[in-house]
Amino acid sequence: MDSIDSLKQLIHQQFGVEPSAIDPDAPFAQYDLDSLTLAELMFAIEDSFHVEVPDSAVSSVTNLRELAALLDGLRATGNA
């Protein structure tokens, strides 16, 4: 499972958004994910993938594709 699919599943578990309804290029706001829910998502990512997400990610990441790229980068550098 690639990062986008893994993150879709996590968003589904955390916020009830159906994975098939998530467009990786659509802004998170389209799914009613505001900055507070994005912060919650970042904590869930840290727990699920054993990485440390920088605080700046909440304001700099705007869609699923960007989030997957961030996650891939964190995994590649071993930022755990």
C-alpha atoms as a PDB file:
ATOM      1  CA  MET A   1       0.000   0.000   0.000  1.00  0.00           C
ATOM      2  CA  ASP A   2       1.475   3.362  -0.954  1.00  0.00           C
ATOM      3  CA  SER A   3       1.491   6.433   1.265  1.00  0.00           C
ATOM      4  CA  ILE A   4      -1.569   8.020  -0.349  1.00  0.00           C
ATOM      5  CA  ASP A   5      -3.661   4.891   0.204  1.00  0.00           C
ATOM      6  CA  SER A   6      -2.364   4.515   3.758  1.00  0.00           C
ATOM      7  CA  LEU A   7      -3.225   8.126   4.520  1.00  0.00           C
ATOM      8  CA  LYS A   8      -6.676   7.755   2.960  1.00  0.00           C
ATOM      9  CA  GLN A   9      -7.339   4.865   5.331  1.00  0.00           C
ATOM     10  CA  LEU A  10      -6.100   6.890   8.295  1.00  0.00           C
ATOM     11  CA  ILE A  11      -8.309   9.856   7.351  1.00  0.00           C
ATOM     12  CA  HIS A  12     -11.235   7.476   7.040  1.00  0.00           C
ATOM     13  CA  GLN A  13     -10.565   6.013  10.487  1.00  0.00           C
ATOM     14  CA  GLN A  14     -10.052   9.401  12.139  1.00  0.00           C
ATOM     15  CA  PHE A  15     -12.695  11.529  10.420  1.00  0.00           C
ATOM     16  CA  GLY A  16     -15.068   9.211   8.570  1.00  0.00           C
ATOM     17  CA  VAL A  17     -14.234  10.449   5.065  1.00  0.00           C
ATOM     18  CA  GLU A  18     -14.606   7.611   2.567  1.00  0.00           C
ATOM     19  CA  PRO A  19     -11.246   6.791   0.957  1.00  0.00           C
ATOM     20  CA  SER A  20     -12.785   6.608  -2.516  1.00  0.00           C
ATOM     21  CA  ALA A  21     -14.079  10.168  -2.102  1.00  0.00           C
ATOM     22  CA  ILE A  22     -10.652  11.653  -1.399  1.00  0.00           C
ATOM     23  CA  ASP A  23      -8.920  13.351  -4.316  1.00  0.00           C
ATOM     24  CA  PRO A  24      -5.191  13.549  -3.495  1.00  0.00           C
ATOM     25  CA  ASP A  25      -4.957  16.990  -5.126  1.00  0.00           C
ATOM     26  CA  ALA A  26      -8.033  18.550  -3.499  1.00  0.00           C
ATOM     27  CA  PRO A  27      -7.484  20.904  -0.571  1.00  0.00           C
ATOM     28  CA  PHE A  28      -8.178  19.444   2.858  1.00  0.00           C
ATOM     29  CA  ALA A  29     -10.821  22.134   3.386  1.00  0.00           C
ATOM     30  CA  GLN A  30     -12.945  20.363   0.764  1.00  0.00           C
ATOM     31  CA  TYR A  31     -13.339  17.538   3.296  1.00  0.00           C
ATOM     32  CA  ASP A  32     -14.040  19.895   6.208  1.00  0.00           C
ATOM     33  CA  LEU A  33     -10.580  19.294   7.655  1.00  0.00           C
ATOM     34  CA  ASP A  34      -9.567  22.557   9.306  1.00  0.00           C
ATOM     35  CA  SER A  35      -6.307  23.376  11.075  1.00  0.00           C
ATOM     36  CA  LEU A  36      -7.439  21.706  14.303  1.00  0.00           C
ATOM     37  CA  THR A  37      -8.386  18.449  12.591  1.00  0.00           C
ATOM     38  CA  LEU A  38      -5.164  18.599  10.574  1.00  0.00           C
ATOM     39  CA  ALA A  39      -3.219  18.851  13.834  1.00  0.00           C
ATOM     40  CA  GLU A  40      -5.097  15.767  15.052  1.00  0.00           C
ATOM     41  CA  LEU A  41      -4.234  14.037  11.789  1.00  0.00           C
ATOM     42  CA  MET A  42      -0.544  14.858  12.234  1.00  0.00           C
ATOM     43  CA  PHE A  43      -0.597  13.243  15.703  1.00  0.00           C
ATOM     44  CA  ALA A  44      -2.310  10.176  14.237  1.00  0.00           C
ATOM     45  CA  ILE A  45       0.352  10.003  11.510  1.00  0.00           C
ATOM     46  CA  GLU A  46       3.088  10.146  14.131  1.00  0.00           C
ATOM     47  CA  ASP A  47       1.470   7.293  16.054  1.00  0.00           C
ATOM     48  CA  SER A  48       0.663   5.164  13.009  1.00  0.00           C
ATOM     49  CA  PHE A  49       3.888   5.586  11.042  1.00  0.00           C
ATOM     50  CA  HIS A  50       6.352   6.190  13.901  1.00  0.00           C
ATOM     51  CA  VAL A  51       7.665   9.457  12.499  1.00  0.00           C
ATOM     52  CA  GLU A  52       7.987  12.938  13.941  1.00  0.00           C
ATOM     53  CA  VAL A  53       5.957  15.425  11.889  1.00  0.00           C
ATOM     54  CA  PRO A  54       7.223  19.013  12.093  1.00  0.00           C
ATOM     55  CA  ASP A  55       4.740  21.512  13.563  1.00  0.00           C
ATOM     56  CA  SER A  56       4.996  23.590  10.395  1.00  0.00           C
ATOM     57  CA  ALA A  57       3.320  20.792   8.422  1.00  0.00           C
ATOM     58  CA  VAL A  58      -0.117  21.769   9.743  1.00  0.00           C
ATOM     59  CA  SER A  59       0.059  25.110   7.937  1.00  0.00           C
ATOM     60  CA  SER A  60       2.245  24.164   4.974  1.00  0.00           C
ATOM     61  CA  VAL A  61       0.572  20.957   3.747  1.00  0.00           C
ATOM     62  CA  THR A  62      -2.654  21.656   1.876  1.00  0.00           C
ATOM     63  CA  ASN A  63      -3.628  18.339   0.277  1.00  0.00           C
ATOM     64  CA  LEU A  64      -3.134  14.601   0.505  1.00  0.00           C
ATOM     65  CA  ARG A  65      -0.461  14.427  -2.194  1.00  0.00           C
ATOM     66  CA  GLU A  66       1.687  16.955  -0.306  1.00  0.00           C
ATOM     67  CA  LEU A  67       1.102  15.070   2.934  1.00  0.00           C
ATOM     68  CA  ALA A  68       2.132  11.772   1.319  1.00  0.00           C
ATOM     69  CA  ALA A  69       5.315  13.417  -0.006  1.00  0.00           C
ATOM     70  CA  LEU A  70       6.074  14.722   3.487  1.00  0.00           C
ATOM     71  CA  LEU A  71       5.496  11.280   4.975  1.00  0.00           C
ATOM     72  CA  ASP A  72       7.698   9.641   2.335  1.00  0.00           C
ATOM     73  CA  GLY A  73      10.441  12.156   3.090  1.00  0.00           C
ATOM     74  CA  LEU A  74      10.199  11.560   6.826  1.00  0.00           C
ATOM     75  CA  ARG A  75      10.382   7.823   6.312  1.00  0.00           C
ATOM     76  CA  ALA A  76      13.352   8.141   3.933  1.00  0.00           C
ATOM     77  CA  THR A  77      15.362  10.227   6.391  1.00  0.00           C
ATOM     78  CA  GLY A  78      14.422   8.029   9.322  1.00  0.00           C
ATOM     79  CA  ASN A  79      12.830  10.961  11.154  1.00  0.00           C
ATOM     80  CA  ALA A  80      11.406   8.884  13.950  1.00  0.00           C
END
